[in-house]
C-alpha atoms as a PDB file:
ATOM      1  CA  MET A   1      48.736  72.346 -73.656  1.00  0.00           C
ATOM      2  CA  ASN A   2      47.785  69.404 -76.111  1.00  0.00           C
ATOM      3  CA  SER A   3      44.114  68.612 -76.573  1.00  0.00           C
ATOM      4  CA  LEU A   4      42.696  65.960 -74.298  1.00  0.00           C
ATOM      5  CA  GLN A   5      41.234  64.336 -77.221  1.00  0.00           C
ATOM      6  CA  SER A   6      42.946  60.971 -78.190  1.00  0.00           C
ATOM      7  CA  GLU A   7      41.925  59.123 -81.404  1.00  0.00           C
ATOM      8  CA  PRO A   8      38.243  59.266 -82.176  1.00  0.00           C
ATOM      9  CA  THR A   9      36.060  56.852 -80.285  1.00  0.00           C
ATOM     10  CA  SER A  10      34.259  54.456 -82.707  1.00  0.00           C
ATOM     11  CA  SER A  11      30.352  55.149 -83.259  1.00  0.00           C
ATOM     12  CA  PRO A  12      27.609  53.994 -84.901  1.00  0.00           C
ATOM     13  CA  ALA A  13      27.242  54.965 -88.710  1.00  0.00           C
ATOM     14  CA  SER A  14      25.913  58.451 -88.787  1.00  0.00           C
ATOM     15  CA  ASP A  15      25.612  61.645 -90.530  1.00  0.00           C
ATOM     16  CA  PRO A  16      28.532  64.199 -89.189  1.00  0.00           C
ATOM     17  CA  ALA A  17      26.144  67.235 -90.093  1.00  0.00           C
ATOM     18  CA  LEU A  18      23.784  66.057 -87.499  1.00  0.00           C
ATOM     19  CA  PRO A  19      23.952  67.163 -83.804  1.00  0.00           C
ATOM     20  CA  LEU A  20      26.311  65.470 -81.436  1.00  0.00           C
ATOM     21  CA  LEU A  21      23.675  64.121 -79.099  1.00  0.00           C
ATOM     22  CA  GLY A  22      19.921  64.754 -79.645  1.00  0.00           C
ATOM     23  CA  LEU A  23      16.785  64.030 -77.640  1.00  0.00           C
ATOM     24  CA  ARG A  24      13.713  63.502 -79.665  1.00  0.00           C
ATOM     25  CA  ASN A  25      10.148  63.698 -78.457  1.00  0.00           C
ATOM     26  CA  ILE A  26      11.018  62.271 -75.117  1.00  0.00           C
ATOM     27  CA  ASP A  27       8.182  61.180 -72.698  1.00  0.00           C
ATOM     28  CA  THR A  28       9.353  60.015 -69.202  1.00  0.00           C
ATOM     29  CA  ARG A  29       7.562  58.520 -66.330  1.00  0.00           C
ATOM     30  CA  TYR A  30       8.270  57.441 -62.705  1.00  0.00           C
ATOM     31  CA  GLY A  31       5.250  54.940 -62.566  1.00  0.00           C
ATOM     32  CA  PRO A  32       2.236  57.077 -63.038  1.00  0.00           C
ATOM     33  CA  ILE A  33       3.730  60.275 -62.819  1.00  0.00           C
ATOM     34  CA  GLN A  34       5.149  61.898 -66.006  1.00  0.00           C
ATOM     35  CA  VAL A  35       8.296  63.708 -66.029  1.00  0.00           C
ATOM     36  CA  HIS A  36       8.953  64.730 -69.321  1.00  0.00           C
ATOM     37  CA  PHE A  37       6.623  65.974 -72.079  1.00  0.00           C
ATOM     38  CA  ASN A  38       7.673  65.697 -75.836  1.00  0.00           C
ATOM     39  CA  LEU A  39      11.193  66.825 -74.901  1.00  0.00           C
ATOM     40  CA  SER A  40      13.343  67.485 -77.745  1.00  0.00           C
ATOM     41  CA  LEU A  41      16.843  69.138 -77.459  1.00  0.00           C
ATOM     42  CA  ALA A  42      20.249  69.001 -79.244  1.00  0.00           C
ATOM     43  CA  ILE A  43      23.870  69.539 -78.366  1.00  0.00           C
ATOM     44  CA  GLY A  44      26.324  70.307 -81.267  1.00  0.00           C
ATOM     45  CA  GLU A  45      29.944  69.642 -81.643  1.00  0.00           C
ATOM     46  CA  ALA A  46      32.056  71.805 -79.404  1.00  0.00           C
ATOM     47  CA  GLU A  47      29.267  73.580 -77.993  1.00  0.00           C
ATOM     48  CA  ILE A  48      28.424  74.554 -74.363  1.00  0.00           C
ATOM     49  CA  VAL A  49      24.509  74.026 -73.797  1.00  0.00           C
ATOM     50  CA  CYS A  50      22.907  74.850 -70.423  1.00  0.00           C
ATOM     51  CA  LEU A  51      19.834  73.585 -69.124  1.00  0.00           C
ATOM     52  CA  LEU A  52      17.813  75.688 -66.819  1.00  0.00           C
ATOM     53  CA  GLY A  53      14.648  74.881 -64.618  1.00  0.00           C
ATOM     54  CA  GLY A  54      13.469  75.284 -61.158  1.00  0.00           C
ATOM     55  CA  ASN A  55      13.240  72.322 -58.440  1.00  0.00           C
ATOM     56  CA  ALA A  56      11.381  69.146 -59.972  1.00  0.00           C
ATOM     57  CA  SER A  57      11.207  70.521 -63.515  1.00  0.00           C
ATOM     58  CA  GLY A  58      13.062  67.133 -64.895  1.00  0.00           C
ATOM     59  CA  LYS A  59      16.500  68.590 -65.355  1.00  0.00           C
ATOM     60  CA  SER A  60      18.289  65.607 -63.391  1.00  0.00           C
ATOM     61  CA  THR A  61      15.805  63.088 -65.138  1.00  0.00           C
ATOM     62  CA  THR A  62      17.035  64.490 -68.681  1.00  0.00           C
ATOM     63  CA  MET A  63      20.923  63.438 -67.563  1.00  0.00           C
ATOM     64  CA  LYS A  64      19.707  60.004 -66.511  1.00  0.00           C
ATOM     65  CA  ILE A  65      18.053  59.531 -69.899  1.00  0.00           C
ATOM     66  CA  ILE A  66      21.139  60.692 -71.777  1.00  0.00           C
ATOM     67  CA  LEU A  67      23.380  58.205 -69.835  1.00  0.00           C
ATOM     68  CA  GLY A  68      20.932  55.373 -70.020  1.00  0.00           C
ATOM     69  CA  LEU A  69      20.182  55.300 -66.460  1.00  0.00           C
ATOM     70  CA  LEU A  70      16.437  55.545 -67.148  1.00  0.00           C
ATOM     71  CA  ALA A  71      14.580  54.376 -70.100  1.00  0.00           C
ATOM     72  CA  PRO A  72      12.099  57.048 -71.754  1.00  0.00           C
ATOM     73  CA  HIS A  73       8.270  56.111 -71.967  1.00  0.00           C
ATOM     74  CA  ALA A  74       8.505  57.272 -75.593  1.00  0.00           C
ATOM     75  CA  GLY A  75      10.998  59.004 -77.689  1.00  0.00           C
ATOM     76  CA  SER A  76      14.800  58.480 -78.757  1.00  0.00           C
ATOM     77  CA  VAL A  77      18.042  59.212 -77.745  1.00  0.00           C
ATOM     78  CA  GLU A  78      20.314  59.856 -80.672  1.00  0.00           C
ATOM     79  CA  TRP A  79      24.140  60.052 -81.144  1.00  0.00           C
ATOM     80  CA  ARG A  80      25.281  61.552 -84.375  1.00  0.00           C
ATOM     81  CA  GLY A  81      21.819  60.641 -85.810  1.00  0.00           C
ATOM     82  CA  ALA A  82      22.303  56.907 -84.712  1.00  0.00           C
ATOM     83  CA  ASP A  83      19.665  55.797 -82.224  1.00  0.00           C
ATOM     84  CA  ILE A  84      21.141  54.822 -78.904  1.00  0.00           C
ATOM     85  CA  THR A  85      18.263  54.510 -76.991  1.00  0.00           C
ATOM     86  CA  ARG A  86      18.469  50.942 -75.982  1.00  0.00           C
ATOM     87  CA  LEU A  87      22.254  51.200 -75.378  1.00  0.00           C
ATOM     88  CA  ALA A  88      23.433  50.383 -71.806  1.00  0.00           C
ATOM     89  CA  THR A  89      25.400  53.052 -70.069  1.00  0.00           C
ATOM     90  CA  PRO A  90      28.861  51.547 -70.670  1.00  0.00           C
ATOM     91  CA  GLU A  91      28.393  51.541 -74.236  1.00  0.00           C
ATOM     92  CA  ARG A  92      27.505  55.101 -74.175  1.00  0.00           C
ATOM     93  CA  ILE A  93      30.345  55.788 -72.241  1.00  0.00           C
ATOM     94  CA  LYS A  94      32.502  54.185 -74.936  1.00  0.00           C
ATOM     95  CA  LEU A  95      30.827  56.226 -77.513  1.00  0.00           C
ATOM     96  CA  GLY A  96      32.188  59.276 -75.864  1.00  0.00           C
ATOM     97  CA  ILE A  97      29.532  60.507 -73.474  1.00  0.00           C
ATOM     98  CA  ALA A  98      30.867  60.984 -69.898  1.00  0.00           C
ATOM     99  CA  SER A  99      29.241  62.594 -66.840  1.00  0.00           C
ATOM    100  CA  VAL A 100      30.211  64.793 -63.613  1.00  0.00           C
ATOM    101  CA  PRO A 101      27.448  63.899 -61.313  1.00  0.00           C
ATOM    102  CA  GLU A 102      25.337  66.009 -58.707  1.00  0.00           C
ATOM    103  CA  SER A 103      27.384  66.128 -55.393  1.00  0.00           C
ATOM    104  CA  ARG A 104      30.561  64.914 -57.399  1.00  0.00           C
ATOM    105  CA  ARG A 105      30.157  61.182 -56.024  1.00  0.00           C
ATOM    106  CA  ILE A 106      33.996  60.513 -55.876  1.00  0.00           C
ATOM    107  CA  PHE A 107      35.017  57.288 -54.090  1.00  0.00           C
ATOM    108  CA  GLY A 108      36.173  59.029 -50.619  1.00  0.00           C
ATOM    109  CA  GLY A 109      38.295  55.948 -49.576  1.00  0.00           C
ATOM    110  CA  MET A 110      40.230  55.680 -52.894  1.00  0.00           C
ATOM    111  CA  SER A 111      43.139  57.734 -53.479  1.00  0.00           C
ATOM    112  CA  VAL A 112      43.132  60.856 -55.991  1.00  0.00           C
ATOM    113  CA  ASP A 113      44.962  58.462 -58.662  1.00  0.00           C
ATOM    114  CA  GLU A 114      42.540  55.638 -58.210  1.00  0.00           C
ATOM    115  CA  ASN A 115      39.704  57.983 -58.586  1.00  0.00           C
ATOM    116  CA  ILE A 116      40.980  59.588 -61.788  1.00  0.00           C
ATOM    117  CA  LEU A 117      41.523  56.006 -63.338  1.00  0.00           C
ATOM    118  CA  MET A 118      38.099  54.772 -62.451  1.00  0.00           C
ATOM    119  CA  GLY A 119      36.901  56.892 -65.297  1.00  0.00           C
ATOM    120  CA  ALA A 120      38.978  54.818 -67.877  1.00  0.00           C
ATOM    121  CA  TYR A 121      37.081  51.515 -66.870  1.00  0.00           C
ATOM    122  CA  THR A 122      35.707  51.134 -70.142  1.00  0.00           C
ATOM    123  CA  ARG A 123      38.920  51.561 -71.952  1.00  0.00           C
ATOM    124  CA  SER A 124      41.592  49.013 -72.827  1.00  0.00           C
ATOM    125  CA  ASP A 125      44.009  51.294 -75.053  1.00  0.00           C
ATOM    126  CA  ARG A 126      46.628  51.478 -72.364  1.00  0.00           C
ATOM    127  CA  THR A 127      49.133  53.649 -74.101  1.00  0.00           C
ATOM    128  CA  ALA A 128      46.428  56.321 -74.988  1.00  0.00           C
ATOM    129  CA  LEU A 129      45.275  55.954 -71.395  1.00  0.00           C
ATOM    130  CA  ARG A 130      48.800  56.821 -69.726  1.00  0.00           C
ATOM    131  CA  ARG A 131      48.854  59.785 -72.300  1.00  0.00           C
ATOM    132  CA  ASP A 132      45.377  61.021 -71.480  1.00  0.00           C
ATOM    133  CA  ARG A 133      46.277  60.702 -67.610  1.00  0.00           C
ATOM    134  CA  GLU A 134      49.329  63.037 -68.144  1.00  0.00           C
ATOM    135  CA  ARG A 135      47.106  65.651 -69.801  1.00  0.00           C
ATOM    136  CA  VAL A 136      44.569  65.301 -67.235  1.00  0.00           C
ATOM    137  CA  LEU A 137      47.140  65.946 -64.465  1.00  0.00           C
ATOM    138  CA  GLU A 138      48.560  68.993 -66.370  1.00  0.00           C
ATOM    139  CA  LEU A 139      45.053  70.522 -66.587  1.00  0.00           C
ATOM    140  CA  PHE A 140      44.712  69.575 -63.058  1.00  0.00           C
ATOM    141  CA  PRO A 141      47.965  70.401 -61.028  1.00  0.00           C
ATOM    142  CA  ARG A 142      46.421  70.582 -57.724  1.00  0.00           C
ATOM    143  CA  LEU A 143      45.425  67.073 -58.131  1.00  0.00           C
ATOM    144  CA  CYS A 144      48.873  66.300 -59.217  1.00  0.00           C
ATOM    145  CA  GLU A 145      50.071  67.368 -55.855  1.00  0.00           C
ATOM    146  CA  ARG A 146      47.729  65.071 -54.157  1.00  0.00           C
ATOM    147  CA  LEU A 147      47.815  61.814 -56.165  1.00  0.00           C
ATOM    148  CA  ASN A 148      48.154  59.622 -53.110  1.00  0.00           C
ATOM    149  CA  GLN A 149      45.781  61.584 -50.886  1.00  0.00           C
ATOM    150  CA  ALA A 150      42.155  60.014 -50.183  1.00  0.00           C
ATOM    151  CA  GLY A 151      39.683  61.846 -52.347  1.00  0.00           C
ATOM    152  CA  GLY A 152      37.354  61.997 -49.238  1.00  0.00           C
ATOM    153  CA  THR A 153      39.763  64.513 -47.670  1.00  0.00           C
ATOM    154  CA  LEU A 154      39.862  67.086 -50.742  1.00  0.00           C
ATOM    155  CA  SER A 155      37.912  70.266 -50.147  1.00  0.00           C
ATOM    156  CA  GLY A 156      34.534  70.584 -52.058  1.00  0.00           C
ATOM    157  CA  GLY A 157      36.352  72.542 -54.768  1.00  0.00           C
ATOM    158  CA  GLU A 158      39.253  69.885 -55.233  1.00  0.00           C
ATOM    159  CA  GLN A 159      36.609  66.829 -55.300  1.00  0.00           C
ATOM    160  CA  GLN A 160      34.787  68.755 -58.172  1.00  0.00           C
ATOM    161  CA  MET A 161      38.102  68.987 -60.076  1.00  0.00           C
ATOM    162  CA  LEU A 162      38.447  65.183 -59.251  1.00  0.00           C
ATOM    163  CA  ALA A 163      35.117  64.639 -60.572  1.00  0.00           C
ATOM    164  CA  MET A 164      35.897  66.516 -63.867  1.00  0.00           C
ATOM    165  CA  ALA A 165      39.290  64.520 -64.148  1.00  0.00           C
ATOM    166  CA  ARG A 166      37.700  61.308 -63.835  1.00  0.00           C
ATOM    167  CA  ALA A 167      35.176  61.798 -66.471  1.00  0.00           C
ATOM    168  CA  LEU A 168      38.034  63.183 -68.964  1.00  0.00           C
ATOM    169  CA  MET A 169      39.690  59.898 -68.620  1.00  0.00           C
ATOM    170  CA  ALA A 170      36.850  58.144 -70.646  1.00  0.00           C
ATOM    171  CA  ASN A 171      37.989  60.310 -73.560  1.00  0.00           C
ATOM    172  CA  PRO A 172      34.797  61.743 -74.225  1.00  0.00           C
ATOM    173  CA  ARG A 173      33.328  64.006 -77.121  1.00  0.00           C
ATOM    174  CA  LEU A 174      30.498  65.162 -74.546  1.00  0.00           C
ATOM    175  CA  ILE A 175      30.704  65.544 -70.846  1.00  0.00           C
ATOM    176  CA  ILE A 176      27.340  66.383 -69.057  1.00  0.00           C
ATOM    177  CA  MET A 177      27.649  68.155 -65.600  1.00  0.00           C
ATOM    178  CA  ASP A 178      24.893  67.996 -62.996  1.00  0.00           C
ATOM    179  CA  GLU A 179      24.962  71.295 -60.884  1.00  0.00           C
ATOM    180  CA  PRO A 180      28.817  71.752 -61.403  1.00  0.00           C
ATOM    181  CA  THR A 181      28.903  74.641 -59.112  1.00  0.00           C
ATOM    182  CA  MET A 182      26.644  73.624 -56.408  1.00  0.00           C
ATOM    183  CA  GLY A 183      28.027  74.177 -52.871  1.00  0.00           C
ATOM    184  CA  LEU A 184      31.268  75.722 -53.988  1.00  0.00           C
ATOM    185  CA  SER A 185      32.754  79.194 -52.766  1.00  0.00           C
ATOM    186  CA  PRO A 186      32.772  81.916 -55.241  1.00  0.00           C
ATOM    187  CA  LEU A 187      36.376  81.405 -56.045  1.00  0.00           C
ATOM    188  CA  TRP A 188      35.900  77.751 -56.714  1.00  0.00           C
ATOM    189  CA  VAL A 189      32.830  78.630 -58.847  1.00  0.00           C
ATOM    190  CA  GLU A 190      34.894  80.904 -60.946  1.00  0.00           C
ATOM    191  CA  ARG A 191      37.666  78.129 -61.208  1.00  0.00           C
ATOM    192  CA  VAL A 192      35.256  75.411 -62.268  1.00  0.00           C
ATOM    193  CA  LEU A 193      33.674  77.617 -64.744  1.00  0.00           C
ATOM    194  CA  GLU A 194      36.712  78.500 -66.468  1.00  0.00           C
ATOM    195  CA  LEU A 195      37.750  75.013 -66.682  1.00  0.00           C
ATOM    196  CA  ILE A 196      34.787  74.193 -68.507  1.00  0.00           C
ATOM    197  CA  GLN A 197      35.536  76.924 -70.762  1.00  0.00           C
ATOM    198  CA  THR A 198      39.029  75.624 -71.268  1.00  0.00           C
ATOM    199  CA  LEU A 199      37.830  71.960 -72.214  1.00  0.00           C
ATOM    200  CA  ASN A 200      35.381  73.408 -74.638  1.00  0.00           C
ATOM    201  CA  SER A 201      38.206  75.389 -76.233  1.00  0.00           C
ATOM    202  CA  GLN A 202      39.771  71.912 -77.033  1.00  0.00           C
ATOM    203  CA  GLY A 203      36.797  70.617 -78.765  1.00  0.00           C
ATOM    204  CA  LEU A 204      34.783  69.184 -76.058  1.00  0.00           C
ATOM    205  CA  ALA A 205      30.833  69.603 -75.946  1.00  0.00           C
ATOM    206  CA  VAL A 206      29.543  70.253 -72.731  1.00  0.00           C
ATOM    207  CA  PHE A 207      25.911  70.126 -71.478  1.00  0.00           C
ATOM    208  CA  MET A 208      25.312  71.208 -68.043  1.00  0.00           C
ATOM    209  CA  VAL A 209      22.221  71.432 -65.582  1.00  0.00           C
ATOM    210  CA  GLU A 210      22.753  74.584 -63.409  1.00  0.00           C
ATOM    211  CA  GLN A 211      20.654  76.384 -61.003  1.00  0.00           C
ATOM    212  CA  ASN A 212      22.583  79.203 -60.982  1.00  0.00           C
ATOM    213  CA  ALA A 213      21.218  80.773 -64.482  1.00  0.00           C
ATOM    214  CA  HIS A 214      23.608  83.700 -64.445  1.00  0.00           C
ATOM    215  CA  GLN A 215      26.605  81.567 -64.379  1.00  0.00           C
ATOM    216  CA  ALA A 216      25.592  79.107 -66.487  1.00  0.00           C
ATOM    217  CA  LEU A 217      24.380  81.644 -69.489  1.00  0.00           C
ATOM    218  CA  GLY A 218      27.697  83.424 -68.872  1.00  0.00           C
ATOM    219  CA  ILE A 219      29.441  80.669 -70.724  1.00  0.00           C
ATOM    220  CA  ALA A 220      27.079  78.802 -72.668  1.00  0.00           C
ATOM    221  CA  HIS A 221      26.512  79.089 -76.423  1.00  0.00           C
ATOM    222  CA  ARG A 222      22.823  78.136 -76.263  1.00  0.00           C
ATOM    223  CA  GLY A 223      20.370  77.283 -73.510  1.00  0.00           C
ATOM    224  CA  TYR A 224      17.036  75.374 -72.788  1.00  0.00           C
ATOM    225  CA  VAL A 225      14.397  76.044 -69.754  1.00  0.00           C
ATOM    226  CA  LEU A 226      12.302  73.371 -68.504  1.00  0.00           C
ATOM    227  CA  GLN A 227       9.122  73.812 -66.555  1.00  0.00           C
ATOM    228  CA  ASN A 228       7.226  70.770 -65.002  1.00  0.00           C
ATOM    229  CA  GLY A 229       8.521  68.693 -67.847  1.00  0.00           C
ATOM    230  CA  HIS A 230       7.738  70.927 -70.622  1.00  0.00           C
ATOM    231  CA  LEU A 231      10.220  72.774 -72.700  1.00  0.00           C
ATOM    232  CA  VAL A 232       9.193  76.342 -72.501  1.00  0.00           C
ATOM    233  CA  MET A 233      12.019  78.302 -74.007  1.00  0.00           C
ATOM    234  CA  GLU A 234      15.399  77.797 -76.035  1.00  0.00           C
ATOM    235  CA  GLY A 235      17.670  79.916 -77.651  1.00  0.00           C
ATOM    236  CA  ALA A 236      21.098  81.654 -77.646  1.00  0.00           C
ATOM    237  CA  ALA A 237      22.567  82.132 -74.248  1.00  0.00           C
ATOM    238  CA  ALA A 238      22.635  85.848 -74.566  1.00  0.00           C
ATOM    239  CA  ASP A 239      19.045  86.002 -75.836  1.00  0.00           C
ATOM    240  CA  LEU A 240      17.850  83.845 -72.691  1.00  0.00           C
ATOM    241  CA  ALA A 241      19.997  86.130 -70.417  1.00  0.00           C
ATOM    242  CA  ASN A 242      18.196  89.159 -71.618  1.00  0.00           C
ATOM    243  CA  ASP A 243      15.023  87.566 -71.701  1.00  0.00           C
ATOM    244  CA  PRO A 244      12.406  89.328 -68.937  1.00  0.00           C
ATOM    245  CA  GLY A 245      10.668  86.061 -68.112  1.00  0.00           C
ATOM    246  CA  ILE A 246      13.967  84.501 -67.503  1.00  0.00           C
ATOM    247  CA  ARG A 247      15.514  87.253 -65.513  1.00  0.00           C
ATOM    248  CA  ASP A 248      12.450  87.461 -63.236  1.00  0.00           C
ATOM    249  CA  ALA A 249      12.386  83.825 -62.871  1.00  0.00           C
ATOM    250  CA  TYR A 250      15.977  82.700 -62.632  1.00  0.00           C
ATOM    251  CA  LEU A 251      18.413  85.722 -62.490  1.00  0.00           C
ATOM    252  CA  GLY A 252      16.922  87.870 -59.967  1.00  0.00           C
END
């Protein structure tokens, strides 16, 4: 199958040798409560990176910072070396950042096809859009069979595929996923992880928050570990999987 990537999305002037996306010295607060403490991380081109941590460690807040849904108290968000900290969410999507949120959050009353097309709301390149829709439906043939069905009537695994298809319609370079296997059966977990690897093989970078550390480290290139808002460990996924502290805390 052809790559899902269309023509490169325009972006601020930047150094291509720098990471695709970086968080630099991020402090985040909810009122008087500090959530991140000097958080720095990076995602490279065509790389799968996972973010591990327990409840209330700051993982989901990290996603909000990347998407521009929450402004950091200090620090910067960088896209290929350019500071995008002040850019609104739609502008970040236009640069090439898309998301698959926790619990999918599809539009249950809209058809599968309408849900897919909602992912392209920032785009005006109609010819490329139609081409990308065809490629997405090739990747998700199960959705192709259900285009006129209401999204809310799909199974949990099918809804996760729909959320992924919707994100791909933004023509991203980076897709961030918040708990992509949460609540899915083992069969669907395996299928979703396979799809993530397929997308990555086509050049898409993936940043995933995942409570299932074993599954995440099994497909990731690198990983980070958050604990109470502090980055306490980072490294190659295989090294993290073999670390005794990670095994005791997250792998069982």
